[in-house]
N, C-alpha and C. Protein backbone atom coordinates (compact mmCIF):
# COMPACT_ATOMS: atom_id res chain seq x y z
N SER A 1 -62.70 -26.25 18.58
CA SER A 1 -62.09 -25.25 18.25
C SER A 1 -60.72 -25.54 17.41
N ASP A 2 -60.28 -24.62 16.64
CA ASP A 2 -59.04 -24.93 15.77
C ASP A 2 -57.93 -24.77 16.79
N ILE A 3 -56.83 -25.50 16.72
CA ILE A 3 -55.59 -25.58 17.52
C ILE A 3 -54.54 -24.75 16.66
N SER A 4 -53.97 -23.53 16.96
CA SER A 4 -53.05 -23.14 16.07
C SER A 4 -51.70 -23.50 16.62
N LEU A 5 -51.19 -23.52 17.74
CA LEU A 5 -50.06 -23.92 18.31
C LEU A 5 -50.04 -25.17 18.58
N PRO A 6 -48.80 -26.06 18.32
CA PRO A 6 -48.26 -27.55 18.53
C PRO A 6 -49.17 -27.93 19.76
N GLU A 7 -49.73 -28.97 19.98
CA GLU A 7 -50.36 -29.60 21.18
C GLU A 7 -49.58 -29.62 22.35
N GLU A 8 -48.25 -29.92 22.28
CA GLU A 8 -47.23 -30.28 23.43
C GLU A 8 -47.10 -28.87 24.04
N GLN A 9 -47.06 -27.65 23.25
CA GLN A 9 -46.84 -26.32 23.68
C GLN A 9 -48.00 -26.01 24.28
N LEU A 10 -49.29 -26.20 23.89
CA LEU A 10 -50.58 -25.81 24.47
C LEU A 10 -50.97 -26.61 25.76
N ILE A 11 -50.56 -27.70 25.76
CA ILE A 11 -50.47 -28.88 26.94
C ILE A 11 -49.72 -28.19 28.12
N THR A 12 -48.57 -27.64 27.95
CA THR A 12 -47.67 -27.19 28.60
C THR A 12 -47.77 -25.54 29.40
N ASN A 13 -48.55 -25.02 28.46
CA ASN A 13 -49.12 -23.52 28.71
C ASN A 13 -50.26 -24.01 29.53
N PHE A 14 -50.91 -24.83 29.51
CA PHE A 14 -52.24 -24.98 30.32
C PHE A 14 -51.85 -25.61 31.85
N VAL A 15 -50.61 -26.17 31.67
CA VAL A 15 -50.20 -26.85 32.98
C VAL A 15 -49.59 -25.45 34.10
N ILE A 16 -49.10 -24.43 33.38
CA ILE A 16 -48.58 -23.33 33.93
C ILE A 16 -49.75 -22.39 33.96
N ILE A 17 -50.49 -22.44 33.32
CA ILE A 17 -51.94 -21.34 33.83
C ILE A 17 -52.71 -22.00 35.02
N ALA A 18 -52.65 -23.27 34.98
CA ALA A 18 -53.41 -24.10 36.13
C ALA A 18 -52.78 -23.86 37.23
N SER A 19 -51.49 -24.09 37.50
CA SER A 19 -50.71 -23.82 38.60
C SER A 19 -50.95 -22.26 39.04
N LEU A 20 -51.06 -21.28 37.99
CA LEU A 20 -51.21 -19.83 38.46
C LEU A 20 -52.77 -19.70 39.25
N ALA A 21 -53.51 -20.32 38.64
CA ALA A 21 -54.96 -19.89 38.71
C ALA A 21 -55.34 -20.63 40.06
N GLN A 22 -54.70 -21.81 40.42
CA GLN A 22 -54.76 -22.55 41.46
C GLN A 22 -54.08 -21.78 42.70
N LYS A 23 -53.18 -21.18 42.52
CA LYS A 23 -52.47 -20.31 43.54
C LYS A 23 -53.11 -18.97 43.80
N HIS A 24 -53.00 -18.40 42.60
CA HIS A 24 -53.36 -16.74 42.44
C HIS A 24 -54.86 -16.39 41.72
N ALA A 25 -55.66 -17.21 41.76
CA ALA A 25 -56.86 -16.91 41.07
C ALA A 25 -57.44 -15.47 41.70
N LEU A 26 -57.41 -15.30 42.95
CA LEU A 26 -58.13 -14.26 43.45
C LEU A 26 -57.11 -13.05 43.47
N SER A 27 -56.04 -13.14 43.91
CA SER A 27 -54.94 -12.09 44.08
C SER A 27 -54.74 -11.55 42.71
N CYS A 28 -54.67 -12.37 41.68
CA CYS A 28 -54.26 -11.96 40.10
C CYS A 28 -55.28 -11.80 39.36
N LEU A 29 -56.11 -12.43 39.51
CA LEU A 29 -57.47 -12.61 38.46
C LEU A 29 -58.92 -12.19 39.03
N ASN A 30 -58.87 -11.79 40.48
CA ASN A 30 -59.95 -11.39 41.16
C ASN A 30 -61.11 -12.34 41.06
N ILE A 31 -60.96 -13.49 40.76
CA ILE A 31 -61.87 -14.70 40.50
C ILE A 31 -61.80 -15.48 41.74
N VAL A 32 -63.27 -15.51 42.28
CA VAL A 32 -63.33 -16.29 43.46
C VAL A 32 -63.76 -18.00 42.96
N PRO A 33 -62.99 -18.95 43.04
CA PRO A 33 -63.34 -20.28 42.83
C PRO A 33 -64.80 -20.69 43.04
N ALA A 34 -65.35 -21.69 42.46
CA ALA A 34 -66.67 -22.11 42.48
C ALA A 34 -66.69 -22.88 44.02
N LYS A 35 -65.68 -23.59 44.26
CA LYS A 35 -65.59 -24.38 45.89
C LYS A 35 -65.41 -23.45 46.89
N GLN A 36 -64.70 -22.43 46.45
CA GLN A 36 -64.44 -21.64 47.92
C GLN A 36 -65.79 -20.63 48.12
N ARG A 37 -66.36 -20.32 47.06
CA ARG A 37 -67.61 -19.52 47.27
C ARG A 37 -68.64 -20.24 47.94
N THR A 38 -68.81 -21.67 47.56
CA THR A 38 -69.48 -22.98 48.29
C THR A 38 -69.33 -22.68 49.88
N TYR A 39 -68.06 -22.77 50.06
CA TYR A 39 -67.36 -22.75 51.63
C TYR A 39 -68.01 -21.64 52.17
N GLU A 40 -67.84 -20.42 51.51
CA GLU A 40 -68.13 -18.91 52.01
C GLU A 40 -69.70 -18.85 52.38
N GLU A 41 -70.61 -19.24 51.19
CA GLU A 41 -71.99 -19.35 51.44
C GLU A 41 -72.41 -20.27 52.74
N ALA A 42 -71.81 -21.22 52.88
CA ALA A 42 -71.83 -22.04 54.31
C ALA A 42 -71.56 -21.32 55.45
N LEU A 43 -70.60 -20.63 55.23
CA LEU A 43 -69.80 -19.77 56.30
C LEU A 43 -70.71 -18.60 56.69
N GLY A 44 -71.31 -18.10 55.83
CA GLY A 44 -71.78 -16.70 55.64
C GLY A 44 -70.61 -15.69 55.86
N LYS A 45 -69.52 -15.81 55.39
CA LYS A 45 -68.58 -14.74 55.47
C LYS A 45 -67.47 -15.31 54.45
N PRO A 46 -66.44 -14.35 54.07
CA PRO A 46 -65.46 -14.59 53.10
C PRO A 46 -64.47 -15.83 53.77
N TRP A 47 -64.24 -16.95 53.13
CA TRP A 47 -63.43 -18.01 53.73
C TRP A 47 -61.93 -17.56 53.79
N VAL A 48 -61.28 -16.80 52.91
CA VAL A 48 -60.11 -16.39 53.37
C VAL A 48 -60.26 -14.70 52.79
N ASP A 49 -59.81 -13.87 53.45
CA ASP A 49 -59.88 -12.55 53.12
C ASP A 49 -58.48 -12.02 52.48
N ARG A 50 -58.83 -11.79 50.98
CA ARG A 50 -57.88 -11.62 50.04
C ARG A 50 -58.16 -10.56 49.22
N GLN A 51 -57.02 -9.83 48.33
CA GLN A 51 -57.58 -8.94 47.61
C GLN A 51 -56.88 -8.95 46.54
N CYS A 52 -57.10 -8.51 45.26
CA CYS A 52 -56.61 -8.44 43.94
C CYS A 52 -55.42 -7.38 44.08
N THR A 53 -54.20 -7.81 43.62
CA THR A 53 -53.09 -7.02 43.95
C THR A 53 -52.58 -6.00 42.58
N LEU A 54 -53.38 -6.68 41.61
CA LEU A 54 -52.92 -5.95 40.11
C LEU A 54 -53.85 -4.73 39.75
N ASP A 55 -53.36 -3.92 39.08
CA ASP A 55 -54.22 -2.92 38.69
C ASP A 55 -55.26 -3.12 38.05
N GLU A 56 -56.33 -2.74 37.77
CA GLU A 56 -57.65 -2.98 37.04
C GLU A 56 -57.43 -3.31 35.62
N PRO A 57 -56.77 -2.23 34.80
CA PRO A 57 -56.63 -2.70 33.44
C PRO A 57 -55.67 -3.90 33.08
N LEU A 58 -54.68 -4.23 33.80
CA LEU A 58 -53.97 -5.34 34.11
C LEU A 58 -54.57 -6.58 34.15
N ARG A 59 -55.42 -6.58 35.18
CA ARG A 59 -56.10 -7.56 35.73
C ARG A 59 -57.10 -8.07 34.48
N VAL A 60 -57.80 -7.11 34.32
CA VAL A 60 -58.87 -7.63 33.12
C VAL A 60 -58.18 -8.01 31.81
N GLN A 61 -57.08 -7.33 31.39
CA GLN A 61 -56.19 -8.08 30.35
C GLN A 61 -56.09 -9.61 30.74
N LEU A 62 -54.97 -9.68 31.63
CA LEU A 62 -54.84 -10.98 32.06
C LEU A 62 -55.86 -11.85 32.31
N MET A 63 -57.05 -11.75 33.12
CA MET A 63 -58.10 -12.64 32.91
C MET A 63 -58.62 -12.89 31.58
N GLY A 64 -58.70 -12.16 30.65
CA GLY A 64 -59.31 -12.17 29.34
C GLY A 64 -58.35 -13.21 28.40
N LEU A 65 -57.17 -12.99 28.66
CA LEU A 65 -56.26 -13.61 28.00
C LEU A 65 -56.31 -15.12 28.26
N VAL A 66 -56.20 -15.47 29.75
CA VAL A 66 -56.61 -16.77 30.23
C VAL A 66 -57.63 -17.30 30.10
N VAL A 67 -58.93 -16.77 30.07
CA VAL A 67 -60.18 -17.36 30.04
C VAL A 67 -60.23 -17.58 28.53
N ASN A 68 -59.87 -16.94 27.60
CA ASN A 68 -59.80 -17.11 25.98
C ASN A 68 -58.94 -18.12 25.63
N ALA A 69 -57.70 -18.25 26.37
CA ALA A 69 -57.10 -19.44 26.07
C ALA A 69 -57.83 -20.88 26.32
N TYR A 70 -58.44 -20.79 27.48
CA TYR A 70 -59.33 -21.99 27.81
C TYR A 70 -60.40 -22.28 26.98
N GLN A 71 -61.05 -21.22 26.90
CA GLN A 71 -62.26 -21.50 26.15
C GLN A 71 -62.09 -22.02 24.69
N SER A 72 -60.93 -21.25 23.95
CA SER A 72 -60.67 -21.68 22.54
C SER A 72 -59.94 -22.81 22.50
N SER A 73 -59.28 -23.30 23.48
CA SER A 73 -58.34 -24.51 23.06
C SER A 73 -58.58 -25.75 23.68
N ALA A 74 -59.23 -25.80 25.18
CA ALA A 74 -59.23 -26.82 26.14
C ALA A 74 -60.32 -27.84 25.44
N GLY A 75 -61.60 -27.60 24.69
CA GLY A 75 -62.12 -28.50 23.97
C GLY A 75 -61.42 -29.16 23.01
N GLY A 76 -60.58 -28.65 21.99
CA GLY A 76 -59.92 -29.03 21.06
C GLY A 76 -58.84 -29.85 21.53
N LEU A 77 -58.18 -29.73 22.59
CA LEU A 77 -57.06 -30.66 23.08
C LEU A 77 -57.66 -31.76 23.57
N LEU A 78 -58.75 -31.76 24.56
CA LEU A 78 -59.33 -32.83 24.95
C LEU A 78 -60.03 -33.76 23.93
N GLN A 79 -60.38 -33.22 23.01
CA GLN A 79 -61.13 -34.11 21.85
C GLN A 79 -60.03 -34.69 21.25
N SER A 80 -58.97 -34.03 20.99
CA SER A 80 -57.77 -34.74 20.19
C SER A 80 -57.18 -35.81 20.97
N ALA A 81 -57.09 -35.54 22.09
CA ALA A 81 -56.52 -36.63 23.06
C ALA A 81 -57.41 -37.91 23.37
N HIS A 82 -58.64 -37.38 23.33
CA HIS A 82 -59.69 -38.54 23.54
C HIS A 82 -59.66 -39.35 21.97
N ALA A 83 -59.50 -38.66 21.09
CA ALA A 83 -59.74 -39.43 19.65
C ALA A 83 -58.66 -40.18 19.55
N ARG A 84 -57.20 -39.95 19.72
CA ARG A 84 -55.90 -40.89 19.77
C ARG A 84 -56.27 -41.86 20.43
N LEU A 85 -56.86 -41.88 21.70
CA LEU A 85 -57.01 -42.83 22.67
C LEU A 85 -58.17 -43.96 22.26
N VAL A 86 -58.94 -43.59 21.61
CA VAL A 86 -60.12 -44.29 20.98
C VAL A 86 -59.63 -44.93 19.71
N GLU A 87 -58.68 -44.31 18.97
CA GLU A 87 -57.98 -45.10 17.71
C GLU A 87 -57.22 -46.01 18.00
N GLN A 88 -56.27 -46.02 19.26
CA GLN A 88 -55.35 -46.90 19.76
C GLN A 88 -56.28 -48.13 20.20
N GLU A 89 -57.53 -47.97 20.97
CA GLU A 89 -58.24 -48.93 21.46
C GLU A 89 -58.70 -49.73 20.31
N LYS A 90 -59.21 -49.08 19.23
CA LYS A 90 -59.42 -49.93 18.07
C LYS A 90 -58.49 -50.73 17.35
N VAL A 91 -57.21 -50.26 17.61
CA VAL A 91 -56.17 -51.22 17.02
C VAL A 91 -55.98 -52.20 17.83
N ASN A 92 -55.75 -52.11 19.36
CA ASN A 92 -55.87 -53.16 19.93
C ASN A 92 -56.89 -54.19 19.94
N SER A 93 -57.93 -53.61 20.13
CA SER A 93 -59.07 -54.48 19.87
C SER A 93 -59.10 -55.42 18.57
N LYS A 94 -58.65 -54.92 17.40
CA LYS A 94 -58.31 -55.47 16.35
C LYS A 94 -57.42 -56.64 16.30
N LEU A 95 -56.24 -56.30 17.34
CA LEU A 95 -55.28 -57.10 17.32
C LEU A 95 -55.59 -58.33 18.20
N ARG A 96 -56.44 -58.11 19.29
CA ARG A 96 -56.94 -59.36 20.14
C ARG A 96 -57.95 -60.01 19.02
N ILE A 97 -58.49 -59.59 18.30
CA ILE A 97 -59.34 -60.29 17.27
C ILE A 97 -58.52 -61.31 16.35
N ASP A 98 -57.55 -60.83 15.88
CA ASP A 98 -56.74 -61.17 14.67
C ASP A 98 -55.66 -62.15 15.19
N LYS A 99 -55.02 -61.58 16.53
CA LYS A 99 -53.64 -62.55 16.61
C LYS A 99 -54.01 -63.31 18.42
N GLY A 100 -54.96 -62.83 18.94
CA GLY A 100 -55.46 -63.28 20.12
C GLY A 100 -54.77 -62.76 21.40
N GLN A 101 -53.98 -61.80 20.98
CA GLN A 101 -53.35 -60.66 22.04
C GLN A 101 -52.87 -59.44 21.35
N VAL A 102 -52.43 -58.51 22.29
CA VAL A 102 -51.97 -57.18 21.83
C VAL A 102 -50.46 -57.32 22.39
N ASP A 103 -49.55 -56.75 21.31
CA ASP A 103 -47.92 -56.67 21.52
C ASP A 103 -47.96 -55.57 22.68
N VAL A 104 -46.42 -56.07 23.10
CA VAL A 104 -46.20 -54.97 24.20
C VAL A 104 -46.25 -53.46 23.68
N GLU A 105 -45.61 -53.24 22.48
CA GLU A 105 -45.43 -51.87 21.85
C GLU A 105 -46.87 -51.23 22.06
N ASN A 106 -47.80 -51.60 21.50
CA ASN A 106 -49.10 -51.02 21.51
C ASN A 106 -49.78 -51.22 22.79
N GLU A 107 -49.61 -51.99 23.55
CA GLU A 107 -49.98 -52.11 25.02
C GLU A 107 -49.53 -50.71 25.56
N GLN A 108 -48.38 -50.71 25.35
CA GLN A 108 -47.51 -49.42 26.19
C GLN A 108 -48.13 -48.01 25.52
N LYS A 109 -48.51 -48.21 24.09
CA LYS A 109 -48.96 -46.77 23.58
C LYS A 109 -50.35 -46.69 23.94
N HIS A 110 -51.20 -47.56 24.49
CA HIS A 110 -52.54 -47.31 24.76
C HIS A 110 -52.27 -46.82 26.04
N GLN A 111 -51.40 -47.35 27.00
CA GLN A 111 -51.35 -46.80 28.28
C GLN A 111 -50.91 -45.19 28.57
N GLN A 112 -49.68 -45.19 27.68
CA GLN A 112 -49.35 -43.61 27.39
C GLN A 112 -50.50 -42.58 27.46
N LEU A 113 -51.38 -42.99 26.02
CA LEU A 113 -52.31 -42.37 25.69
C LEU A 113 -53.30 -41.97 26.82
N LYS A 114 -53.74 -43.21 27.40
CA LYS A 114 -54.91 -43.07 28.62
C LYS A 114 -53.96 -42.05 29.96
N ASP A 115 -52.62 -42.45 30.15
CA ASP A 115 -52.10 -41.36 30.88
C ASP A 115 -52.27 -40.03 30.66
N SER A 116 -52.02 -39.69 29.37
CA SER A 116 -51.89 -38.23 28.81
C SER A 116 -53.11 -37.69 29.22
N LEU A 117 -54.11 -38.32 28.59
CA LEU A 117 -55.82 -37.80 28.70
C LEU A 117 -55.90 -37.81 30.01
N ALA A 118 -55.66 -38.45 31.12
CA ALA A 118 -56.09 -38.44 32.45
C ALA A 118 -55.48 -37.07 33.18
N LYS A 119 -53.97 -36.75 32.66
CA LYS A 119 -53.36 -35.66 33.23
C LYS A 119 -54.20 -34.32 32.62
N LEU A 120 -54.35 -34.38 31.13
CA LEU A 120 -54.99 -33.28 30.66
C LEU A 120 -56.23 -32.76 31.36
N GLN A 121 -57.06 -34.07 31.47
CA GLN A 121 -58.49 -33.82 32.30
C GLN A 121 -58.31 -33.14 33.83
N LEU A 122 -57.03 -33.49 34.48
CA LEU A 122 -56.92 -33.12 35.46
C LEU A 122 -56.61 -31.58 35.44
N ASN A 123 -55.73 -31.11 34.79
CA ASN A 123 -55.46 -29.71 34.50
C ASN A 123 -56.59 -29.09 34.26
N LEU A 124 -57.35 -29.48 33.18
CA LEU A 124 -58.46 -28.82 32.56
C LEU A 124 -59.61 -28.71 33.78
N ALA A 125 -59.80 -29.72 34.65
CA ALA A 125 -60.64 -29.62 35.79
C ALA A 125 -60.04 -28.45 36.82
N THR A 126 -58.87 -28.32 36.79
CA THR A 126 -58.44 -27.33 37.71
C THR A 126 -58.94 -26.07 37.23
N LEU A 127 -58.54 -25.71 36.12
CA LEU A 127 -58.82 -24.40 35.21
C LEU A 127 -60.34 -24.30 35.40
N SER A 128 -60.99 -25.27 35.07
CA SER A 128 -62.57 -24.89 35.33
C SER A 128 -62.92 -24.53 36.43
N GLU A 129 -62.47 -24.99 37.52
CA GLU A 129 -62.69 -24.68 38.82
C GLU A 129 -62.33 -23.57 39.39
N PHE A 130 -61.37 -23.12 38.90
CA PHE A 130 -60.48 -21.95 39.25
C PHE A 130 -60.83 -20.53 38.35
N LEU A 131 -61.28 -20.91 37.25
CA LEU A 131 -61.51 -20.02 36.23
C LEU A 131 -63.07 -19.60 36.23
N CYS A 132 -63.89 -20.66 36.84
CA CYS A 132 -65.38 -20.63 37.06
C CYS A 132 -65.75 -20.91 35.36
N GLN A 133 -65.27 -21.67 34.83
CA GLN A 133 -65.62 -22.03 33.38
C GLN A 133 -66.10 -23.62 33.21
N PRO A 134 -67.07 -23.97 32.41
CA PRO A 134 -67.51 -25.17 32.33
C PRO A 134 -66.25 -26.03 31.78
N LEU A 135 -66.44 -27.37 32.08
CA LEU A 135 -65.54 -28.16 31.99
C LEU A 135 -65.66 -28.88 30.40
N PRO A 136 -64.98 -28.85 29.51
CA PRO A 136 -65.37 -29.59 28.15
C PRO A 136 -65.40 -31.07 28.22
N THR A 137 -66.14 -31.59 27.31
CA THR A 137 -66.27 -33.22 27.31
C THR A 137 -66.27 -33.41 25.94
N PRO A 138 -65.40 -34.52 25.71
CA PRO A 138 -65.09 -34.99 24.63
C PRO A 138 -66.24 -35.81 23.83
N GLN A 139 -66.63 -35.67 22.48
CA GLN A 139 -67.46 -36.23 21.86
C GLN A 139 -67.44 -37.65 21.22
N GLU A 140 -67.96 -38.78 21.52
CA GLU A 140 -67.88 -39.68 20.79
C GLU A 140 -68.19 -39.65 19.07
N GLU A 141 -67.37 -40.58 18.37
CA GLU A 141 -67.71 -40.45 16.76
C GLU A 141 -68.76 -40.67 16.40
N ASP A 142 -69.64 -41.53 17.06
CA ASP A 142 -71.13 -41.84 16.79
C ASP A 142 -71.63 -42.11 18.11
N PRO A 143 -72.60 -40.99 18.73
CA PRO A 143 -73.20 -41.38 19.83
C PRO A 143 -74.18 -42.46 19.95
N ASN A 144 -74.64 -42.93 18.72
CA ASN A 144 -75.49 -43.97 18.90
C ASN A 144 -74.76 -45.52 18.74
N VAL A 145 -73.50 -45.20 18.62
CA VAL A 145 -72.86 -46.80 18.88
C VAL A 145 -71.71 -46.85 19.66
N SER A 146 -71.73 -47.57 20.53
CA SER A 146 -70.52 -47.72 21.67
C SER A 146 -69.42 -48.46 20.98
N ARG A 147 -68.23 -48.44 21.49
CA ARG A 147 -67.09 -49.00 21.21
C ARG A 147 -67.16 -50.50 21.51
N ILE A 148 -67.68 -50.69 22.82
CA ILE A 148 -67.96 -51.91 23.59
C ILE A 148 -68.70 -52.91 22.51
N GLU A 149 -69.89 -52.03 21.88
CA GLU A 149 -70.66 -53.00 21.14
C GLU A 149 -69.96 -53.19 19.64
N GLY A 150 -69.34 -52.60 19.30
CA GLY A 150 -68.45 -52.58 17.96
C GLY A 150 -67.68 -53.54 17.87
N ARG A 151 -67.04 -54.03 19.36
CA ARG A 151 -66.03 -55.21 19.52
C ARG A 151 -66.76 -56.50 19.67
N LYS A 152 -68.02 -56.50 19.87
CA LYS A 152 -68.86 -57.54 20.26
C LYS A 152 -69.34 -57.92 18.61
N GLU A 153 -69.63 -57.13 17.96
CA GLU A 153 -69.80 -57.50 16.48
C GLU A 153 -68.57 -57.96 15.77
N ASP A 154 -67.57 -57.48 16.11
CA ASP A 154 -66.26 -57.95 15.47
C ASP A 154 -66.33 -59.54 15.63
N VAL A 155 -66.67 -59.88 17.02
CA VAL A 155 -66.28 -61.16 17.63
C VAL A 155 -67.42 -61.90 16.94
N ALA A 156 -68.70 -61.60 16.78
CA ALA A 156 -69.78 -62.37 15.96
C ALA A 156 -69.67 -62.45 14.63
N ASN A 157 -68.78 -61.51 13.82
CA ASN A 157 -68.56 -61.76 12.45
C ASN A 157 -67.47 -62.70 12.34
N GLN A 158 -66.80 -62.97 13.43
CA GLN A 158 -65.24 -63.96 13.18
C GLN A 158 -65.96 -65.36 13.37
N GLU A 159 -66.94 -65.03 14.34
CA GLU A 159 -67.65 -66.76 14.72
C GLU A 159 -68.57 -67.21 13.65
N GLU A 160 -69.09 -66.25 12.75
CA GLU A 160 -69.89 -66.50 11.49
C GLU A 160 -68.94 -66.94 10.52
N GLU A 161 -67.87 -66.72 10.32
CA GLU A 161 -66.83 -66.79 9.19
C GLU A 161 -66.33 -68.33 9.83
N LEU A 162 -66.14 -68.70 10.99
CA LEU A 162 -65.58 -70.06 11.12
C LEU A 162 -66.78 -70.96 10.94
N LEU A 163 -68.01 -70.72 11.25
CA LEU A 163 -69.02 -71.53 10.93
C LEU A 163 -69.32 -71.88 9.52
N MET A 164 -68.88 -71.19 8.76
CA MET A 164 -69.06 -71.34 7.31
C MET A 164 -68.06 -72.36 6.92
N LEU A 165 -67.09 -72.73 7.76
CA LEU A 165 -66.14 -73.74 7.22
C LEU A 165 -66.57 -75.07 7.16
N TRP A 166 -67.70 -75.45 8.10
CA TRP A 166 -68.33 -76.85 8.49
C TRP A 166 -69.61 -76.68 7.82
N GLU A 167 -70.33 -78.14 7.64
CA GLU A 167 -71.47 -78.16 6.91
C GLU A 167 -72.48 -77.93 7.90
N ASP A 168 -72.10 -78.16 9.30
CA ASP A 168 -73.07 -78.08 10.56
C ASP A 168 -72.27 -78.06 11.62
N THR A 169 -72.73 -77.77 12.81
CA THR A 169 -72.05 -78.10 14.01
C THR A 169 -71.64 -79.30 14.19
N GLU A 170 -72.15 -80.59 13.94
CA GLU A 170 -71.65 -81.74 14.46
C GLU A 170 -70.52 -81.74 13.83
N GLN A 171 -70.31 -81.51 12.44
CA GLN A 171 -68.96 -81.66 11.57
C GLN A 171 -67.84 -80.86 12.38
N GLN A 172 -68.19 -79.66 12.82
CA GLN A 172 -67.37 -78.71 13.14
C GLN A 172 -66.87 -79.51 14.62
N ARG A 173 -67.84 -80.09 15.45
CA ARG A 173 -67.44 -80.82 16.75
C ARG A 173 -66.62 -81.67 16.46
N PHE A 174 -66.62 -82.81 15.52
CA PHE A 174 -66.03 -83.79 15.23
C PHE A 174 -64.62 -83.70 14.72
N TYR A 175 -64.30 -81.99 14.41
CA TYR A 175 -62.79 -81.70 13.86
C TYR A 175 -62.07 -81.25 15.00
N GLU A 176 -63.32 -80.53 15.85
CA GLU A 176 -62.21 -79.76 16.67
C GLU A 176 -62.04 -80.18 18.11
N GLU A 177 -62.95 -81.07 18.46
CA GLU A 177 -62.94 -81.58 19.55
C GLU A 177 -62.07 -83.11 19.86
N VAL A 178 -61.51 -83.24 21.10
CA VAL A 178 -60.35 -84.55 20.85
C VAL A 178 -61.37 -85.72 21.42
N LEU A 179 -61.65 -86.46 20.40
CA LEU A 179 -62.49 -87.99 20.78
C LEU A 179 -61.79 -88.95 21.28
N ASP A 180 -62.62 -89.66 21.99
CA ASP A 180 -61.77 -90.95 22.50
C ASP A 180 -62.05 -91.97 21.41
N ALA A 181 -61.06 -92.80 21.15
CA ALA A 181 -61.14 -93.66 20.06
C ALA A 181 -62.06 -94.71 20.29
N LYS A 182 -62.61 -94.99 21.31
CA LYS A 182 -63.51 -95.98 21.62
C LYS A 182 -64.99 -95.49 21.40
N ASP A 183 -65.07 -94.25 21.32
CA ASP A 183 -66.45 -93.74 21.00
C ASP A 183 -66.81 -93.81 19.41
N VAL A 184 -65.84 -93.86 18.67
CA VAL A 184 -65.70 -93.95 17.09
C VAL A 184 -65.38 -95.25 16.54
N ILE A 185 -64.72 -95.85 17.02
CA ILE A 185 -64.08 -97.08 16.36
C ILE A 185 -64.91 -98.36 17.28
N PRO A 186 -65.19 -99.36 16.54
CA PRO A 186 -65.82 -100.57 17.10
C PRO A 186 -64.88 -101.34 17.87
N ALA A 187 -65.58 -102.02 19.22
CA ALA A 187 -64.45 -102.54 20.09
C ALA A 187 -63.69 -103.69 19.28
N VAL A 188 -64.47 -104.25 18.52
CA VAL A 188 -63.70 -105.72 17.91
C VAL A 188 -62.51 -105.17 17.15
N LEU A 189 -62.59 -103.93 16.71
CA LEU A 189 -61.26 -103.36 15.72
C LEU A 189 -60.33 -103.06 16.77
N LEU A 190 -60.45 -102.50 17.66
CA LEU A 190 -59.85 -102.13 18.99
C LEU A 190 -59.11 -103.18 19.11
N SER A 191 -59.69 -104.44 19.45
CA SER A 191 -59.20 -105.76 20.02
C SER A 191 -58.04 -106.24 19.31
N SER A 192 -58.51 -106.32 17.82
CA SER A 192 -57.62 -106.60 16.84
C SER A 192 -56.27 -105.95 16.59
N GLY A 193 -56.68 -104.52 16.92
CA GLY A 193 -55.33 -103.67 16.76
C GLY A 193 -54.50 -104.16 18.00
N LYS A 194 -54.93 -104.39 19.35
CA LYS A 194 -53.98 -104.73 20.21
C LYS A 194 -53.47 -106.08 19.97
N ALA A 195 -54.24 -107.06 19.58
CA ALA A 195 -53.50 -108.35 19.09
C ALA A 195 -52.45 -108.17 17.93
N LEU A 196 -52.64 -107.37 17.22
CA LEU A 196 -51.37 -107.47 16.25
C LEU A 196 -50.29 -106.69 16.86
N ALA A 197 -50.73 -105.67 17.64
CA ALA A 197 -49.24 -105.14 18.54
C ALA A 197 -48.41 -105.77 19.27
N ASP A 198 -49.34 -106.92 20.02
CA ASP A 198 -48.80 -107.77 20.94
C ASP A 198 -48.95 -109.25 20.68
N PRO A 199 -48.36 -109.90 20.18
CA PRO A 199 -48.31 -111.12 19.47
C PRO A 199 -48.96 -112.23 20.75
N ALA A 200 -48.52 -111.78 21.92
CA ALA A 200 -48.87 -112.75 23.22
C ALA A 200 -50.50 -112.86 23.32
N LEU A 201 -50.99 -111.67 22.80
CA LEU A 201 -52.45 -111.64 23.09
C LEU A 201 -53.09 -112.13 21.75
N ALA A 202 -52.57 -112.62 20.75
CA ALA A 202 -53.07 -113.08 19.43
C ALA A 202 -53.73 -114.75 19.80
């Protein structure tokens, strides 16, 4: 859904609404939360005897506003927060491939986005329970491609580019591995070198 208000304001509003619903879902909205209904069914009687204290027209209006706000904006907020986290994960993944590590700033940004998404999910889960509404779920950019597989593909491409620098794996091993001189230089030359370096051995 389209989000008309700034996201920060919407998130703050949802925190307030979640607190209201958690404490006064029945007394203000006359909504029995799903978990409480389960308890009542198990007990065979109302878990807590409460009654809505608002006049019916006001209750209906308030419930309509709250539920409509949740239905129209919750999914968009969650999708946006999830998308920002995914983009930062891509940035961090590229940094690991290109530079071998992620700098502090991008690591902190990733953690902040992760924490923000977790808090938003918690508030939306509260609203979902106390308003008896389905919890929205974010959609991947491409459901047929996982981000983990994408990272593996990047690493594979990098390894393929490195192999192109050498004629074969033996040449690559020769230049990359630290070899013992005795394995590639004849013993007689090593002996001559020692003799030149130490006249006493000549």
